[in-house]
Amino acid sequence: MSPVTIMPGAVHREAMSPRCRLWRMGELENALPRTVSDSGHIVVNQNGNPAGICTCNRCQRESLDRSRLEELERTVQNLTRQNADMRQQFDDLQQKNQSIRERAQRIETCEICSFPYSENEEASNRCTFRKCGHICCAECVQQTLSLAQSGENNEPPRCPFHSCRTPFSSDDVVTLKL
């Protein structure tokens, strides 16, 4: 095998093995784009024919660094994608949590007077109206019944929920003990 020399204008100054002759990437870029090494060098024999990828220490280090960099870039992309997915899951869970809290707040407090059911003894008994199914504290039911009885027009009491206003009698009220 004939010795190989470094072409003038080589990119790096590291001592090369006698088998390598390097050209700048730009000189052969159009003719041999698939044989260009990571460092931009092409290994050629004495006749100028491509002989493979450069195996000098610098080219090997650059190739290793590039592969590590590509691996790190893929890892960053994967972690960024996972982070976005987790943020979306977190936002979904926050919305679900808020919805549950609001629902629990409605269950744990009377929707008429807004007092928690456990704050006083009378309010701890929840009452429901058989006709419409709304739930409120016993105190609000008692006030609704007493206001209807004290009225002059003899109308039956109505569900205290503004959107409902279904008429009921004291027999339609059921006490719930939880």
N, C-alpha and C. Protein backbone atom coordinates (compact mmCIF):
# COMPACT_ATOMS: atom_id res chain seq x y z
N MET A 1 0.85 -1.17 0.00
CA MET A 1 0.00 0.00 0.00
C MET A 1 0.89 1.23 0.00
N SER A 2 0.55 2.18 -0.82
CA SER A 2 1.36 3.37 -0.93
C SER A 2 1.05 4.34 0.21
N PRO A 3 2.01 5.12 0.63
CA PRO A 3 1.78 6.05 1.74
C PRO A 3 0.81 7.16 1.33
N VAL A 4 0.08 7.64 2.33
CA VAL A 4 -0.91 8.69 2.11
C VAL A 4 -0.40 9.94 2.81
N THR A 5 -0.55 11.09 2.18
CA THR A 5 -0.08 12.34 2.76
C THR A 5 -1.25 13.28 2.98
N ILE A 6 -1.02 14.29 3.80
CA ILE A 6 -2.04 15.30 4.07
C ILE A 6 -1.97 16.34 2.97
N MET A 7 -3.11 16.65 2.40
CA MET A 7 -3.18 17.66 1.35
C MET A 7 -2.91 19.03 1.98
N PRO A 8 -2.35 19.95 1.24
CA PRO A 8 -2.17 21.31 1.75
C PRO A 8 -3.53 21.92 2.07
N GLY A 9 -3.59 22.68 3.14
CA GLY A 9 -4.85 23.32 3.53
C GLY A 9 -5.71 22.42 4.39
N ALA A 10 -5.13 21.40 5.00
CA ALA A 10 -5.91 20.50 5.86
C ALA A 10 -6.48 21.30 7.03
N VAL A 11 -7.59 20.83 7.56
CA VAL A 11 -8.31 21.59 8.57
C VAL A 11 -7.62 21.55 9.93
N HIS A 12 -7.08 20.42 10.34
CA HIS A 12 -6.46 20.37 11.66
C HIS A 12 -4.97 20.11 11.56
N ARG A 13 -4.29 20.45 12.64
CA ARG A 13 -2.84 20.39 12.63
C ARG A 13 -2.29 19.18 13.40
N GLU A 14 -3.17 18.36 13.89
CA GLU A 14 -2.75 17.18 14.64
C GLU A 14 -1.98 16.25 13.71
N ALA A 15 -0.96 15.60 14.27
CA ALA A 15 -0.18 14.66 13.46
C ALA A 15 -1.10 13.54 12.99
N MET A 16 -1.07 13.27 11.70
CA MET A 16 -1.97 12.30 11.11
C MET A 16 -1.24 10.98 10.93
N SER A 17 -2.01 9.92 10.89
CA SER A 17 -1.42 8.62 10.59
C SER A 17 -0.95 8.66 9.13
N PRO A 18 0.06 7.90 8.78
CA PRO A 18 0.57 7.96 7.41
C PRO A 18 -0.45 7.47 6.39
N ARG A 19 -1.56 6.87 6.81
CA ARG A 19 -2.55 6.34 5.87
C ARG A 19 -3.54 7.41 5.42
N CYS A 20 -3.60 8.55 6.10
CA CYS A 20 -4.66 9.53 5.82
C CYS A 20 -4.13 10.72 5.04
N ARG A 21 -4.90 11.15 4.09
CA ARG A 21 -4.67 12.42 3.42
C ARG A 21 -6.01 13.14 3.47
N LEU A 22 -6.03 14.36 3.98
CA LEU A 22 -7.30 15.04 4.22
C LEU A 22 -7.51 16.19 3.27
N TRP A 23 -8.73 16.34 2.86
CA TRP A 23 -9.14 17.50 2.08
C TRP A 23 -10.19 18.24 2.86
N ARG A 24 -10.31 19.51 2.57
CA ARG A 24 -11.39 20.26 3.21
C ARG A 24 -12.72 19.76 2.69
N MET A 25 -13.70 19.85 3.54
CA MET A 25 -15.04 19.38 3.17
C MET A 25 -15.56 20.12 1.95
N GLY A 26 -15.30 21.39 1.86
CA GLY A 26 -15.80 22.19 0.76
C GLY A 26 -15.27 21.76 -0.59
N GLU A 27 -14.07 21.19 -0.64
CA GLU A 27 -13.47 20.80 -1.91
C GLU A 27 -14.17 19.61 -2.55
N LEU A 28 -14.69 18.70 -1.74
CA LEU A 28 -15.33 17.51 -2.29
C LEU A 28 -16.81 17.42 -1.91
N GLU A 29 -17.34 18.48 -1.38
CA GLU A 29 -18.70 18.44 -0.86
C GLU A 29 -19.71 17.99 -1.91
N ASN A 30 -19.61 18.52 -3.11
CA ASN A 30 -20.57 18.17 -4.15
C ASN A 30 -20.31 16.78 -4.73
N ALA A 31 -19.05 16.39 -4.83
CA ALA A 31 -18.72 15.13 -5.48
C ALA A 31 -18.94 13.92 -4.57
N LEU A 32 -18.60 14.04 -3.30
CA LEU A 32 -18.65 12.89 -2.39
C LEU A 32 -19.32 13.24 -1.06
N PRO A 33 -20.58 13.64 -1.07
CA PRO A 33 -21.18 14.09 0.18
C PRO A 33 -21.35 12.99 1.22
N ARG A 34 -21.39 11.71 0.81
CA ARG A 34 -21.63 10.64 1.77
C ARG A 34 -20.36 10.14 2.44
N THR A 35 -19.22 10.54 1.96
CA THR A 35 -17.98 10.06 2.55
C THR A 35 -17.31 11.10 3.43
N VAL A 36 -17.98 12.19 3.71
CA VAL A 36 -17.41 13.24 4.53
C VAL A 36 -17.53 12.82 5.99
N SER A 37 -16.44 12.89 6.73
CA SER A 37 -16.50 12.55 8.15
C SER A 37 -17.10 13.71 8.93
N ASP A 38 -17.33 13.49 10.22
CA ASP A 38 -17.94 14.52 11.06
C ASP A 38 -17.10 15.79 11.11
N SER A 39 -15.80 15.65 11.02
CA SER A 39 -14.94 16.83 11.12
C SER A 39 -14.81 17.56 9.80
N GLY A 40 -15.40 17.02 8.74
CA GLY A 40 -15.32 17.68 7.45
C GLY A 40 -14.17 17.17 6.61
N HIS A 41 -13.52 16.08 7.01
CA HIS A 41 -12.39 15.53 6.28
C HIS A 41 -12.82 14.28 5.54
N ILE A 42 -12.14 14.05 4.44
CA ILE A 42 -12.36 12.83 3.68
C ILE A 42 -11.02 12.12 3.58
N VAL A 43 -11.04 10.84 3.83
CA VAL A 43 -9.80 10.08 3.72
C VAL A 43 -9.67 9.62 2.26
N VAL A 44 -8.54 9.93 1.69
CA VAL A 44 -8.30 9.54 0.30
C VAL A 44 -6.95 8.83 0.21
N ASN A 45 -6.82 7.98 -0.77
CA ASN A 45 -5.52 7.33 -0.97
C ASN A 45 -4.65 8.23 -1.86
N GLN A 46 -3.49 7.73 -2.26
CA GLN A 46 -2.54 8.56 -3.01
C GLN A 46 -3.08 8.95 -4.38
N ASN A 47 -3.95 8.17 -4.93
CA ASN A 47 -4.52 8.47 -6.24
C ASN A 47 -5.64 9.51 -6.15
N GLY A 48 -6.06 9.86 -4.94
CA GLY A 48 -7.14 10.83 -4.77
C GLY A 48 -8.51 10.20 -4.69
N ASN A 49 -8.58 8.88 -4.62
CA ASN A 49 -9.87 8.20 -4.50
C ASN A 49 -10.28 8.09 -3.03
N PRO A 50 -11.59 8.17 -2.76
CA PRO A 50 -12.04 8.06 -1.36
C PRO A 50 -11.65 6.71 -0.77
N ALA A 51 -11.16 6.74 0.46
CA ALA A 51 -10.72 5.51 1.11
C ALA A 51 -11.48 5.24 2.40
N GLY A 52 -12.43 6.06 2.78
CA GLY A 52 -13.19 5.84 4.02
C GLY A 52 -13.21 7.07 4.89
N ILE A 53 -13.66 6.89 6.09
CA ILE A 53 -13.77 7.99 7.04
C ILE A 53 -12.49 8.10 7.84
N CYS A 54 -12.08 9.30 8.12
CA CYS A 54 -10.85 9.57 8.85
C CYS A 54 -10.90 8.94 10.23
N THR A 55 -9.80 8.32 10.63
CA THR A 55 -9.74 7.65 11.93
C THR A 55 -8.75 8.32 12.88
N CYS A 56 -8.37 9.53 12.60
CA CYS A 56 -7.44 10.21 13.50
C CYS A 56 -8.13 10.49 14.84
N ASN A 57 -7.34 10.75 15.86
CA ASN A 57 -7.89 10.96 17.21
C ASN A 57 -8.86 12.12 17.26
N ARG A 58 -8.50 13.19 16.60
CA ARG A 58 -9.37 14.37 16.63
C ARG A 58 -10.73 14.06 16.00
N CYS A 59 -10.72 13.41 14.84
CA CYS A 59 -11.97 13.08 14.16
C CYS A 59 -12.80 12.11 14.99
N GLN A 60 -12.15 11.16 15.64
CA GLN A 60 -12.87 10.22 16.50
C GLN A 60 -13.51 10.95 17.68
N ARG A 61 -12.75 11.88 18.30
CA ARG A 61 -13.30 12.67 19.42
C ARG A 61 -14.49 13.50 18.96
N GLU A 62 -14.34 14.16 17.79
CA GLU A 62 -15.43 14.97 17.27
C GLU A 62 -16.66 14.12 16.96
N SER A 63 -16.42 12.95 16.40
CA SER A 63 -17.53 12.05 16.10
C SER A 63 -18.24 11.61 17.39
N LEU A 64 -17.45 11.28 18.40
CA LEU A 64 -18.02 10.88 19.69
C LEU A 64 -18.77 12.05 20.33
N ASP A 65 -18.17 13.25 20.27
CA ASP A 65 -18.84 14.43 20.82
C ASP A 65 -20.16 14.71 20.09
N ARG A 66 -20.14 14.57 18.76
CA ARG A 66 -21.37 14.80 17.99
C ARG A 66 -22.45 13.79 18.35
N SER A 67 -22.06 12.52 18.48
CA SER A 67 -23.06 11.51 18.83
C SER A 67 -23.61 11.75 20.23
N ARG A 68 -22.76 12.17 21.16
CA ARG A 68 -23.24 12.52 22.51
C ARG A 68 -24.17 13.72 22.45
N LEU A 69 -23.81 14.71 21.66
CA LEU A 69 -24.64 15.90 21.52
C LEU A 69 -26.00 15.54 20.92
N GLU A 70 -26.00 14.70 19.88
CA GLU A 70 -27.27 14.28 19.28
C GLU A 70 -28.13 13.52 20.29
N GLU A 71 -27.48 12.66 21.08
CA GLU A 71 -28.21 11.91 22.10
C GLU A 71 -28.80 12.86 23.15
N LEU A 72 -28.01 13.85 23.56
CA LEU A 72 -28.51 14.83 24.53
C LEU A 72 -29.65 15.66 23.95
N GLU A 73 -29.55 16.02 22.67
CA GLU A 73 -30.63 16.78 22.03
C GLU A 73 -31.91 15.95 21.98
N ARG A 74 -31.78 14.65 21.66
CA ARG A 74 -32.96 13.78 21.67
C ARG A 74 -33.55 13.69 23.08
N THR A 75 -32.68 13.58 24.08
CA THR A 75 -33.14 13.52 25.46
C THR A 75 -33.87 14.80 25.84
N VAL A 76 -33.31 15.94 25.45
CA VAL A 76 -33.96 17.22 25.75
C VAL A 76 -35.32 17.29 25.08
N GLN A 77 -35.41 16.86 23.82
CA GLN A 77 -36.70 16.87 23.12
C GLN A 77 -37.70 15.96 23.81
N ASN A 78 -37.26 14.76 24.21
CA ASN A 78 -38.16 13.84 24.91
C ASN A 78 -38.62 14.42 26.24
N LEU A 79 -37.69 15.01 26.99
CA LEU A 79 -38.05 15.59 28.29
C LEU A 79 -38.96 16.80 28.12
N THR A 80 -38.73 17.59 27.08
CA THR A 80 -39.60 18.74 26.81
C THR A 80 -41.00 18.27 26.48
N ARG A 81 -41.10 17.23 25.67
CA ARG A 81 -42.41 16.66 25.32
C ARG A 81 -43.09 16.09 26.57
N GLN A 82 -42.34 15.35 27.38
CA GLN A 82 -42.90 14.80 28.61
C GLN A 82 -43.33 15.90 29.56
N ASN A 83 -42.53 16.97 29.64
CA ASN A 83 -42.87 18.09 30.50
C ASN A 83 -44.17 18.74 30.06
N ALA A 84 -44.34 18.92 28.76
CA ALA A 84 -45.58 19.51 28.24
C ALA A 84 -46.77 18.60 28.54
N ASP A 85 -46.57 17.29 28.37
CA ASP A 85 -47.65 16.34 28.69
C ASP A 85 -48.00 16.40 30.18
N MET A 86 -46.97 16.46 31.02
CA MET A 86 -47.21 16.51 32.46
C MET A 86 -47.88 17.82 32.86
N ARG A 87 -47.50 18.92 32.22
CA ARG A 87 -48.16 20.19 32.51
C ARG A 87 -49.64 20.12 32.16
N GLN A 88 -49.94 19.50 31.02
CA GLN A 88 -51.34 19.35 30.61
C GLN A 88 -52.09 18.48 31.60
N GLN A 89 -51.47 17.38 32.03
CA GLN A 89 -52.09 16.52 33.03
C GLN A 89 -52.30 17.26 34.33
N PHE A 90 -51.30 18.08 34.72
CA PHE A 90 -51.41 18.86 35.95
C PHE A 90 -52.56 19.85 35.85
N ASP A 91 -52.66 20.54 34.72
CA ASP A 91 -53.76 21.49 34.52
C ASP A 91 -55.11 20.79 34.57
N ASP A 92 -55.19 19.62 33.92
CA ASP A 92 -56.44 18.85 33.95
C ASP A 92 -56.79 18.44 35.38
N LEU A 93 -55.78 18.00 36.13
CA LEU A 93 -56.03 17.60 37.52
C LEU A 93 -56.43 18.80 38.39
N GLN A 94 -55.83 19.95 38.12
CA GLN A 94 -56.21 21.15 38.87
C GLN A 94 -57.67 21.51 38.60
N GLN A 95 -58.08 21.44 37.35
CA GLN A 95 -59.48 21.73 37.02
C GLN A 95 -60.41 20.73 37.67
N LYS A 96 -60.03 19.46 37.62
CA LYS A 96 -60.85 18.42 38.24
C LYS A 96 -60.92 18.63 39.75
N ASN A 97 -59.79 18.99 40.36
CA ASN A 97 -59.74 19.25 41.79
C ASN A 97 -60.63 20.43 42.16
N GLN A 98 -60.57 21.48 41.36
CA GLN A 98 -61.42 22.66 41.61
C GLN A 98 -62.89 22.29 41.51
N SER A 99 -63.23 21.49 40.52
CA SER A 99 -64.61 21.04 40.35
C SER A 99 -65.07 20.22 41.55
N ILE A 100 -64.21 19.33 42.02
CA ILE A 100 -64.55 18.52 43.19
C ILE A 100 -64.70 19.39 44.43
N ARG A 101 -63.80 20.36 44.59
CA ARG A 101 -63.90 21.27 45.75
C ARG A 101 -65.21 22.06 45.73
N GLU A 102 -65.56 22.56 44.53
CA GLU A 102 -66.81 23.31 44.43
C GLU A 102 -68.01 22.43 44.74
N ARG A 103 -67.97 21.20 44.23
CA ARG A 103 -69.06 20.27 44.51
C ARG A 103 -69.11 19.93 46.00
N ALA A 104 -67.95 19.69 46.60
CA ALA A 104 -67.90 19.39 48.04
C ALA A 104 -68.39 20.59 48.85
N GLN A 105 -68.03 21.78 48.40
CA GLN A 105 -68.48 22.99 49.10
C GLN A 105 -70.00 23.08 49.07
N ARG A 106 -70.59 22.75 47.92
CA ARG A 106 -72.05 22.77 47.83
C ARG A 106 -72.66 21.69 48.73
N ILE A 107 -71.99 20.56 48.82
CA ILE A 107 -72.52 19.47 49.65
C ILE A 107 -72.34 19.78 51.13
N GLU A 108 -71.24 20.39 51.50
CA GLU A 108 -70.93 20.64 52.91
C GLU A 108 -71.52 21.93 53.44
N THR A 109 -72.05 22.77 52.58
CA THR A 109 -72.68 24.00 53.05
C THR A 109 -74.08 24.09 52.48
N CYS A 110 -74.93 24.74 53.24
CA CYS A 110 -76.29 24.97 52.78
C CYS A 110 -76.23 25.99 51.65
N GLU A 111 -76.88 25.69 50.55
CA GLU A 111 -76.82 26.60 49.40
C GLU A 111 -77.70 27.83 49.60
N ILE A 112 -78.55 27.82 50.60
CA ILE A 112 -79.40 28.97 50.87
C ILE A 112 -78.70 29.96 51.79
N CYS A 113 -78.25 29.49 52.96
CA CYS A 113 -77.63 30.40 53.93
C CYS A 113 -76.10 30.37 53.89
N SER A 114 -75.51 29.44 53.17
CA SER A 114 -74.06 29.29 53.00
C SER A 114 -73.31 28.94 54.28
N PHE A 115 -73.99 28.47 55.31
CA PHE A 115 -73.31 28.02 56.51
C PHE A 115 -72.96 26.54 56.37
N PRO A 116 -71.79 26.16 56.85
CA PRO A 116 -71.46 24.73 56.83
C PRO A 116 -72.45 23.95 57.69
N TYR A 117 -72.77 22.76 57.29
CA TYR A 117 -73.73 21.95 58.02
C TYR A 117 -73.25 21.61 59.42
N SER A 118 -71.97 21.54 59.64
CA SER A 118 -71.46 21.11 60.94
C SER A 118 -71.29 22.24 61.94
N GLU A 119 -71.54 23.51 61.57
CA GLU A 119 -71.29 24.62 62.49
C GLU A 119 -72.30 24.71 63.62
N ASN A 120 -73.53 24.42 63.38
CA ASN A 120 -74.48 24.43 64.49
C ASN A 120 -75.33 23.17 64.45
N GLU A 121 -75.93 22.86 65.57
CA GLU A 121 -76.67 21.61 65.70
C GLU A 121 -77.88 21.55 64.76
N GLU A 122 -78.60 22.65 64.65
CA GLU A 122 -79.79 22.64 63.80
C GLU A 122 -79.41 22.49 62.33
N ALA A 123 -78.35 23.15 61.95
CA ALA A 123 -77.95 23.12 60.54
C ALA A 123 -77.28 21.81 60.15
N SER A 124 -76.85 21.02 61.16
CA SER A 124 -76.17 19.78 60.83
C SER A 124 -77.13 18.76 60.24
N ASN A 125 -78.43 18.95 60.46
CA ASN A 125 -79.42 18.08 59.84
C ASN A 125 -79.77 18.64 58.48
N ARG A 126 -79.50 17.89 57.48
CA ARG A 126 -79.83 18.32 56.13
C ARG A 126 -81.23 17.85 55.80
N CYS A 127 -81.93 18.68 55.11
CA CYS A 127 -83.29 18.33 54.71
C CYS A 127 -83.37 18.35 53.19
N THR A 128 -84.22 17.50 52.68
CA THR A 128 -84.46 17.48 51.24
C THR A 128 -85.95 17.57 50.99
N PHE A 129 -86.29 18.13 49.87
CA PHE A 129 -87.70 18.25 49.47
C PHE A 129 -88.01 17.09 48.53
N ARG A 130 -89.02 16.32 48.84
CA ARG A 130 -89.35 15.14 48.03
C ARG A 130 -89.71 15.52 46.60
N LYS A 131 -90.38 16.62 46.40
CA LYS A 131 -90.86 16.97 45.07
C LYS A 131 -89.74 17.39 44.12
N CYS A 132 -88.77 18.15 44.62
CA CYS A 132 -87.72 18.66 43.72
C CYS A 132 -86.34 18.07 44.01
N GLY A 133 -86.11 17.55 45.21
CA GLY A 133 -84.83 16.92 45.53
C GLY A 133 -83.74 17.86 46.01
N HIS A 134 -84.02 19.16 46.13
CA HIS A 134 -83.01 20.09 46.63
C HIS A 134 -82.72 19.81 48.10
N ILE A 135 -81.48 20.11 48.51
CA ILE A 135 -81.05 19.89 49.89
C ILE A 135 -80.65 21.23 50.49
N CYS A 136 -81.09 21.48 51.71
CA CYS A 136 -80.66 22.66 52.45
C CYS A 136 -80.70 22.31 53.94
N CYS A 137 -80.28 23.24 54.79
CA CYS A 137 -80.24 22.95 56.22
C CYS A 137 -81.65 23.04 56.82
N ALA A 138 -81.82 22.40 57.97
CA ALA A 138 -83.12 22.35 58.64
C ALA A 138 -83.58 23.76 59.03
N GLU A 139 -82.64 24.63 59.36
CA GLU A 139 -82.99 26.00 59.76
C GLU A 139 -83.62 26.76 58.59
N CYS A 140 -83.08 26.62 57.40
CA CYS A 140 -83.64 27.29 56.22
C CYS A 140 -85.02 26.74 55.89
N VAL A 141 -85.22 25.44 56.04
CA VAL A 141 -86.54 24.84 55.81
C VAL A 141 -87.53 25.41 56.81
N GLN A 142 -87.12 25.49 58.08
CA GLN A 142 -88.00 26.01 59.13
C GLN A 142 -88.36 27.47 58.85
N GLN A 143 -87.41 28.27 58.44
CA GLN A 143 -87.69 29.67 58.12
C GLN A 143 -88.65 29.77 56.93
N THR A 144 -88.45 28.94 55.92
CA THR A 144 -89.34 28.95 54.75
C THR A 144 -90.76 28.59 55.16
N LEU A 145 -90.90 27.56 56.01
CA LEU A 145 -92.24 27.15 56.48
C LEU A 145 -92.89 28.24 57.32
N SER A 146 -92.12 28.86 58.23
CA SER A 146 -92.70 29.89 59.10
C SER A 146 -93.08 31.14 58.31
N LEU A 147 -92.29 31.51 57.30
CA LEU A 147 -92.63 32.67 56.47
C LEU A 147 -93.92 32.41 55.68
N ALA A 148 -94.08 31.19 55.18
CA ALA A 148 -95.28 30.86 54.41
C ALA A 148 -96.51 30.84 55.32
N GLN A 149 -96.37 30.38 56.56
CA GLN A 149 -97.50 30.32 57.49
C GLN A 149 -97.90 31.72 57.96
N SER A 150 -96.92 32.61 58.06
CA SER A 150 -97.23 33.96 58.53
C SER A 150 -97.77 34.85 57.41
N GLY A 151 -97.73 34.38 56.19
CA GLY A 151 -98.20 35.16 55.06
C GLY A 151 -99.71 35.29 55.06
N GLU A 152 -100.21 36.34 54.44
CA GLU A 152 -101.65 36.62 54.42
C GLU A 152 -102.36 35.94 53.25
N ASN A 153 -101.62 35.55 52.22
CA ASN A 153 -102.28 35.03 51.02
C ASN A 153 -102.48 33.52 51.03
N ASN A 154 -102.14 32.84 52.10
CA ASN A 154 -102.32 31.39 52.27
C ASN A 154 -101.75 30.56 51.13
N GLU A 155 -100.67 31.00 50.55
CA GLU A 155 -99.98 30.19 49.53
C GLU A 155 -99.12 29.15 50.24
N PRO A 156 -98.94 27.98 49.62
CA PRO A 156 -98.09 26.97 50.24
C PRO A 156 -96.63 27.42 50.18
N PRO A 157 -95.81 26.91 51.09
CA PRO A 157 -94.38 27.27 51.02
C PRO A 157 -93.77 26.74 49.72
N ARG A 158 -92.74 27.41 49.27
CA ARG A 158 -92.08 27.01 48.03
C ARG A 158 -90.61 26.72 48.32
N CYS A 159 -90.05 25.87 47.48
CA CYS A 159 -88.62 25.54 47.61
C CYS A 159 -87.83 26.85 47.62
N PRO A 160 -86.90 27.01 48.56
CA PRO A 160 -86.17 28.27 48.67
C PRO A 160 -85.17 28.52 47.53
N PHE A 161 -84.95 27.57 46.67
CA PHE A 161 -84.04 27.78 45.55
C PHE A 161 -84.74 28.61 44.48
N HIS A 162 -84.12 29.72 44.10
CA HIS A 162 -84.75 30.66 43.16
C HIS A 162 -85.05 30.03 41.81
N SER A 163 -84.24 29.10 41.40
CA SER A 163 -84.47 28.49 40.09
C SER A 163 -85.58 27.43 40.13
N CYS A 164 -86.02 27.06 41.34
CA CYS A 164 -87.00 25.98 41.46
C CYS A 164 -88.39 26.50 41.87
N ARG A 165 -88.49 26.96 43.07
CA ARG A 165 -89.74 27.52 43.64
C ARG A 165 -90.92 26.53 43.57
N THR A 166 -90.64 25.22 43.69
CA THR A 166 -91.69 24.20 43.69
C THR A 166 -92.45 24.27 45.01
N PRO A 167 -93.80 24.28 44.99
CA PRO A 167 -94.56 24.29 46.24
C PRO A 167 -94.39 22.96 46.99
N PHE A 168 -94.37 23.03 48.32
CA PHE A 168 -94.25 21.83 49.13
C PHE A 168 -95.02 22.03 50.43
N SER A 169 -95.24 20.93 51.12
CA SER A 169 -95.85 20.99 52.46
C SER A 169 -94.84 20.44 53.44
N SER A 170 -95.12 20.56 54.72
CA SER A 170 -94.19 20.07 55.74
C SER A 170 -94.02 18.55 55.63
N ASP A 171 -95.00 17.86 55.06
CA ASP A 171 -94.89 16.40 54.87
C ASP A 171 -93.91 16.05 53.75
N ASP A 172 -93.63 17.00 52.87
CA ASP A 172 -92.71 16.75 51.75
C ASP A 172 -91.25 16.93 52.14
N VAL A 173 -90.99 17.35 53.38
CA VAL A 173 -89.62 17.58 53.83
C VAL A 173 -89.11 16.32 54.53
N VAL A 174 -87.97 15.85 54.10
CA VAL A 174 -87.34 14.67 54.70
C VAL A 174 -86.01 15.09 55.30
N THR A 175 -85.76 14.70 56.56
CA THR A 175 -84.51 15.03 57.23
C THR A 175 -83.47 13.96 56.89
N LEU A 176 -82.32 14.43 56.49
CA LEU A 176 -81.20 13.53 56.19
C LEU A 176 -80.18 13.64 57.31
N LYS A 177 -79.76 12.53 57.85
CA LYS A 177 -78.71 12.56 58.88
C LYS A 177 -77.50 11.82 58.32
N LEU A 178 -76.41 12.54 58.23
CA LEU A 178 -75.19 11.95 57.67
C LEU A 178 -74.14 11.77 58.73
